[in-house]
Amino acid sequence: MAQRTIVITGASDGIGAAAARRLTEDGHEVVVVGRSPQKTAAVAQSIGAPFHVADFTDLTQVRSLARELRASYPRIDVLANNAGGIFGDREVTTDGYEKTFQVNHLAPFLLTQLLMSTLIESNAKVVQTSSVGARFFGHIDIDDLQNEKKYSPKKAYGDAKLANILFTKELHRRYADDGITAVAFHPGYVASNFAKQSKGLFQFIYNNPVTKMMLSGTEKGGAALTWLADGTPGTTWQSGEYYENNRVAKTNPQASDKALALRLWDRSAPLAGL
């Protein structure tokens, strides 16, 4: 198997860290990206990988990350946009955007766009960590992307994960002819720290010792990400699709709305400063 350069965001913990370990064991050059300098360095050092630090609540840091990645890696075979989370009360970032929307959608949208020339030259795969939350809680109002009118943690998260799928489909539509392939997936119900800052149902499920025992380990979610990163588009998986358990899966009906995917892209670009 040829060695690939694989950039994984949100790799300082959870399924990102698990996938980074497995892909390194498979002989790939993995680039670890995380928010916490200490945790990111620890994961990277444990597998002998380079690392970069960026907080996705600050788009200036996303732009700096893109510059670092372009300068350090002339080839990026896989970009795994794995960073994300569900939060509690509605917060606005220093950029002026709702935190869930920015961290889960706008920041990876910006990072992907800023790396596009390198990704095209590499015939890269872009992998989006989405969620079944898109199906259960998502309903995008294109005129209220940041849920100023009707906010709840689960709706904001569902909308953001739905945005990941719409971004995947529009990315495929725009760049398939340039050699880019794109896929979104649900990693499973994984016992991780991703809901640590949330409250209500998600905090109970992911942080209660009893309910947490019923969740899968991070290795299972990491295996799903590894399967996509290691796989061959057109053979292992199909570009532009959403996967659960390594199979194409149904999700929110809005995910099939091509006009909505286009409008989301067109709204996201100026918000990201593109």
Protein backbone atom coordinates (compact mmCIF):
# COMPACT_ATOMS: atom_id res chain seq x y z
CA MET A 1 0.00 0.00 0.00
CA ALA A 2 1.38 3.39 -0.98
CA GLN A 3 2.09 5.81 1.84
CA ARG A 4 -0.36 8.70 2.01
CA THR A 5 -0.18 12.04 3.79
CA ILE A 6 -3.33 12.25 5.91
CA VAL A 7 -4.32 15.39 7.83
CA ILE A 8 -6.80 14.75 10.65
CA THR A 9 -8.38 17.62 12.56
CA GLY A 10 -9.80 16.98 16.01
CA ALA A 11 -7.08 14.34 16.43
CA SER A 12 -6.02 15.18 19.98
CA ASP A 13 -8.74 12.92 21.40
CA GLY A 14 -11.53 10.50 20.57
CA ILE A 15 -11.96 8.96 17.15
CA GLY A 16 -9.47 11.35 15.57
CA ALA A 17 -6.69 10.13 17.84
CA ALA A 18 -7.75 6.51 17.34
CA ALA A 19 -7.72 6.89 13.55
CA ALA A 20 -4.34 8.65 13.69
CA ARG A 21 -2.85 5.68 15.54
CA ARG A 22 -4.30 3.09 13.16
CA LEU A 23 -3.30 4.95 10.01
CA THR A 24 0.23 5.46 11.32
CA GLU A 25 0.44 1.72 12.03
CA ASP A 26 -0.64 1.17 8.42
CA GLY A 27 2.42 3.10 7.28
CA HIS A 28 0.89 6.47 6.40
CA GLU A 29 2.24 9.90 7.28
CA VAL A 30 -0.42 11.27 9.62
CA VAL A 31 -0.58 14.95 10.51
CA VAL A 32 -2.28 15.52 13.86
CA VAL A 33 -4.31 18.72 14.28
CA GLY A 34 -5.97 19.65 17.56
CA ARG A 35 -7.14 22.51 19.74
CA SER A 36 -5.21 21.71 22.93
CA PRO A 37 -1.44 22.17 22.59
CA GLN A 38 -0.72 19.66 25.35
CA LYS A 39 -3.11 16.91 24.21
CA THR A 40 -2.24 17.37 20.54
CA ALA A 41 1.49 17.14 21.25
CA ALA A 42 0.97 14.06 23.42
CA VAL A 43 -0.95 12.16 20.71
CA ALA A 44 1.53 13.18 18.03
CA GLN A 45 4.54 12.18 20.11
CA SER A 46 2.99 8.82 20.98
CA ILE A 47 2.79 7.87 17.29
CA GLY A 48 5.80 9.81 16.01
CA ALA A 49 3.74 12.23 13.93
CA PRO A 50 3.99 15.96 13.23
CA PHE A 51 1.29 18.16 14.74
CA HIS A 52 -0.32 21.58 14.41
CA VAL A 53 -2.54 23.48 16.82
CA ALA A 54 -5.62 25.52 15.90
CA ASP A 55 -8.78 26.51 17.74
CA PHE A 56 -11.70 26.46 15.31
CA THR A 57 -13.57 29.09 17.33
CA ASP A 58 -11.07 31.54 15.81
CA LEU A 59 -10.98 31.69 12.02
CA THR A 60 -7.66 33.54 12.13
CA GLN A 61 -6.16 30.37 13.57
CA VAL A 62 -7.77 28.32 10.78
CA ARG A 63 -6.11 30.57 8.20
CA SER A 64 -2.76 30.21 9.96
CA LEU A 65 -3.23 26.44 10.04
CA ALA A 66 -3.88 26.38 6.29
CA ARG A 67 -0.68 28.36 5.66
CA GLU A 68 1.31 25.95 7.83
CA LEU A 69 -0.11 22.89 6.11
CA ARG A 70 0.51 24.29 2.61
CA ALA A 71 4.09 25.15 3.53
CA SER A 72 4.86 21.84 5.24
CA TYR A 73 3.10 19.28 3.04
CA PRO A 74 3.32 19.70 -0.74
CA ARG A 75 0.98 16.72 -1.01
CA ILE A 76 -2.15 16.03 1.07
CA ASP A 77 -3.84 12.80 0.05
CA VAL A 78 -6.59 12.89 2.67
CA LEU A 79 -8.09 15.79 4.59
CA ALA A 80 -10.24 14.44 7.43
CA ASN A 81 -12.42 17.26 8.75
CA ASN A 82 -13.11 15.54 12.05
CA ALA A 83 -13.06 18.42 14.55
CA GLY A 84 -16.43 19.33 16.00
CA GLY A 85 -18.67 19.15 19.01
CA ILE A 86 -21.98 19.95 20.63
CA PHE A 87 -22.15 22.81 23.11
CA GLY A 88 -24.52 24.25 25.69
CA ASP A 89 -26.00 27.73 25.76
CA ARG A 90 -25.77 29.75 22.59
CA GLU A 91 -22.33 31.37 22.29
CA VAL A 92 -20.91 33.73 19.70
CA THR A 93 -17.25 33.43 18.69
CA THR A 94 -14.77 36.25 18.31
CA ASP A 95 -15.63 36.13 14.60
CA GLY A 96 -19.27 36.88 15.41
CA TYR A 97 -20.75 33.46 14.57
CA GLU A 98 -22.66 30.90 16.61
CA LYS A 99 -20.07 28.52 18.05
CA THR A 100 -21.60 25.21 16.90
CA PHE A 101 -22.03 26.48 13.35
CA GLN A 102 -18.48 27.80 13.18
CA VAL A 103 -16.62 24.87 14.75
CA ASN A 104 -18.51 22.11 12.92
CA HIS A 105 -19.12 23.71 9.52
CA LEU A 106 -17.62 27.11 8.81
CA ALA A 107 -14.08 26.38 10.01
CA PRO A 108 -13.67 23.11 8.05
CA PHE A 109 -15.32 24.77 5.05
CA LEU A 110 -12.69 27.52 5.21
CA LEU A 111 -9.79 25.11 5.77
CA THR A 112 -10.82 22.97 2.81
CA GLN A 113 -11.10 25.99 0.53
CA LEU A 114 -7.70 27.37 1.57
CA LEU A 115 -6.08 23.99 0.87
CA MET A 116 -7.93 23.44 -2.40
CA SER A 117 -4.99 23.91 -4.76
CA THR A 118 -2.94 21.33 -2.83
CA LEU A 119 -5.92 18.97 -2.61
CA ILE A 120 -6.53 19.15 -6.36
CA GLU A 121 -2.87 18.52 -7.16
CA SER A 122 -2.99 15.50 -4.84
CA ASN A 123 -6.29 14.06 -6.15
CA ALA A 124 -7.28 14.16 -2.51
CA LYS A 125 -10.08 12.63 -0.51
CA VAL A 126 -12.00 14.95 1.82
CA VAL A 127 -13.70 13.12 4.68
CA GLN A 128 -16.32 14.83 6.85
CA THR A 129 -17.24 13.45 10.27
CA SER A 130 -20.99 13.97 10.36
CA SER A 131 -23.63 12.34 12.56
CA VAL A 132 -27.06 10.74 12.67
CA GLY A 133 -27.87 13.97 14.51
CA ALA A 134 -28.32 15.47 11.04
CA ARG A 135 -31.29 13.18 10.51
CA PHE A 136 -32.79 13.42 14.00
CA PHE A 137 -32.33 17.11 14.83
CA GLY A 138 -31.29 18.98 11.68
CA HIS A 139 -33.46 21.37 9.73
CA ILE A 140 -31.55 24.17 8.04
CA ASP A 141 -33.14 27.57 7.59
CA ILE A 142 -30.84 29.22 5.07
CA ASP A 143 -31.86 32.63 6.42
CA ASP A 144 -31.09 31.63 10.02
CA LEU A 145 -27.94 29.53 9.76
CA GLN A 146 -26.80 30.53 13.23
CA ASN A 147 -30.10 29.77 14.94
CA GLU A 148 -30.69 33.26 16.25
CA LYS A 149 -34.46 32.70 16.15
CA LYS A 150 -34.75 29.18 17.53
CA TYR A 151 -31.68 27.84 19.33
CA SER A 152 -31.18 24.61 21.20
CA PRO A 153 -27.92 22.65 21.53
CA LYS A 154 -29.30 19.63 19.68
CA LYS A 155 -30.81 21.68 16.83
CA ALA A 156 -27.58 23.65 16.37
CA TYR A 157 -25.63 20.39 16.30
CA GLY A 158 -28.08 18.67 13.95
CA ASP A 159 -27.98 21.64 11.58
CA ALA A 160 -24.18 21.69 11.60
CA LYS A 161 -23.91 17.96 10.90
CA LEU A 162 -26.45 18.33 8.09
CA ALA A 163 -24.31 21.18 6.75
CA ASN A 164 -21.36 18.75 6.69
CA ILE A 165 -23.30 16.42 4.40
CA LEU A 166 -24.50 19.24 2.14
CA PHE A 167 -20.92 20.52 1.92
CA THR A 168 -19.75 17.03 0.96
CA LYS A 169 -22.29 16.77 -1.83
CA GLU A 170 -21.56 20.24 -3.20
CA LEU A 171 -17.81 19.65 -2.95
CA HIS A 172 -18.26 16.51 -5.05
CA ARG A 173 -20.41 18.37 -7.59
CA ARG A 174 -17.92 21.20 -7.99
CA TYR A 175 -14.61 19.38 -7.87
CA ALA A 176 -15.10 15.75 -8.95
CA ASP A 177 -13.82 16.61 -12.43
CA ASP A 178 -10.67 18.03 -10.80
CA GLY A 179 -9.95 14.76 -9.04
CA ILE A 180 -11.39 15.58 -5.61
CA THR A 181 -13.53 12.95 -3.90
CA ALA A 182 -15.65 13.68 -0.84
CA VAL A 183 -17.56 11.60 1.69
CA ALA A 184 -19.38 12.12 4.99
CA PHE A 185 -19.99 9.52 7.68
CA HIS A 186 -21.47 8.83 11.09
CA PRO A 187 -18.81 7.32 13.38
CA GLY A 188 -21.30 5.57 15.66
CA TYR A 189 -22.37 6.32 19.22
CA VAL A 190 -18.89 6.69 20.63
CA ALA A 191 -17.89 7.20 24.25
CA SER A 192 -15.76 10.34 23.91
CA ASN A 193 -15.46 13.87 25.29
CA PHE A 194 -17.23 15.55 22.39
CA ALA A 195 -20.37 16.44 24.43
CA LYS A 196 -18.45 17.55 27.52
CA GLN A 197 -19.46 21.19 27.05
CA SER A 198 -23.10 20.41 26.32
CA LYS A 199 -26.03 19.93 28.66
CA GLY A 200 -29.33 18.09 28.76
CA LEU A 201 -29.76 14.82 26.85
CA PHE A 202 -26.34 14.75 25.14
CA GLN A 203 -24.45 15.51 28.34
CA PHE A 204 -26.39 12.78 30.16
CA ILE A 205 -25.79 10.13 27.49
CA TYR A 206 -22.11 10.84 26.91
CA ASN A 207 -21.03 11.68 30.46
CA ASN A 208 -23.20 9.51 32.68
CA PRO A 209 -21.17 6.45 33.84
CA VAL A 210 -24.12 4.09 33.29
CA THR A 211 -25.22 5.24 29.82
CA LYS A 212 -21.60 5.65 28.74
CA MET A 213 -21.12 1.91 29.18
CA MET A 214 -23.58 1.33 26.33
CA LEU A 215 -21.57 3.43 23.87
CA SER A 216 -18.88 2.16 21.54
CA GLY A 217 -15.22 2.77 22.18
CA THR A 218 -13.29 5.37 20.22
CA GLU A 219 -11.55 2.58 18.32
CA LYS A 220 -14.80 1.73 16.49
CA GLY A 221 -15.34 5.32 15.36
CA GLY A 222 -11.67 5.54 14.47
CA ALA A 223 -12.01 2.38 12.39
CA ALA A 224 -14.80 3.99 10.34
CA LEU A 225 -12.61 7.01 9.62
CA THR A 226 -9.67 4.75 8.83
CA TRP A 227 -11.78 2.71 6.40
CA LEU A 228 -12.64 5.84 4.42
CA ALA A 229 -9.13 7.31 4.53
CA ASP A 230 -7.57 4.00 3.46
CA GLY A 231 -10.26 3.16 0.90
CA THR A 232 -10.44 3.70 -2.84
CA PRO A 233 -13.20 6.03 -4.06
CA GLY A 234 -15.32 4.35 -6.70
CA THR A 235 -14.43 0.93 -5.32
CA THR A 236 -14.48 0.99 -1.53
CA TRP A 237 -16.90 3.91 -1.29
CA GLN A 238 -18.70 6.37 -3.54
CA SER A 239 -17.90 10.06 -3.63
CA GLY A 240 -20.62 12.49 -2.62
CA GLU A 241 -22.38 10.02 -0.32
CA TYR A 242 -23.11 9.72 3.40
CA TYR A 243 -22.15 6.49 5.21
CA GLU A 244 -23.13 4.63 8.36
CA ASN A 245 -21.50 1.30 9.30
CA ASN A 246 -19.48 1.47 6.07
CA ARG A 247 -22.64 1.56 3.95
CA VAL A 248 -24.44 4.35 2.11
CA ALA A 249 -27.24 5.44 4.44
CA LYS A 250 -30.35 7.54 4.41
CA THR A 251 -30.18 10.83 6.25
CA ASN A 252 -32.16 14.06 6.49
CA PRO A 253 -34.28 14.69 3.35
CA GLN A 254 -32.71 18.16 3.11
CA ALA A 255 -29.37 16.48 2.33
CA SER A 256 -30.71 15.69 -1.15
CA ASP A 257 -31.68 19.29 -1.85
CA LYS A 258 -29.14 20.40 -4.46
CA ALA A 259 -30.39 23.98 -4.40
CA LEU A 260 -29.92 24.12 -0.62
CA ALA A 261 -26.38 22.73 -0.91
CA LEU A 262 -25.56 25.45 -3.43
CA ARG A 263 -27.11 28.20 -1.31
CA LEU A 264 -25.30 26.99 1.80
CA TRP A 265 -21.98 27.12 -0.05
CA ASP A 266 -22.73 30.60 -1.38
CA ARG A 267 -23.71 31.83 2.10
CA SER A 268 -20.73 30.18 3.80
CA ALA A 269 -18.07 31.61 1.51
CA PRO A 270 -18.47 35.30 2.46
CA LEU A 271 -18.96 34.40 6.13
CA ALA A 272 -15.58 32.64 5.99
CA GLY A 273 -14.02 35.67 4.29
CA LEU A 274 -13.62 33.99 0.90
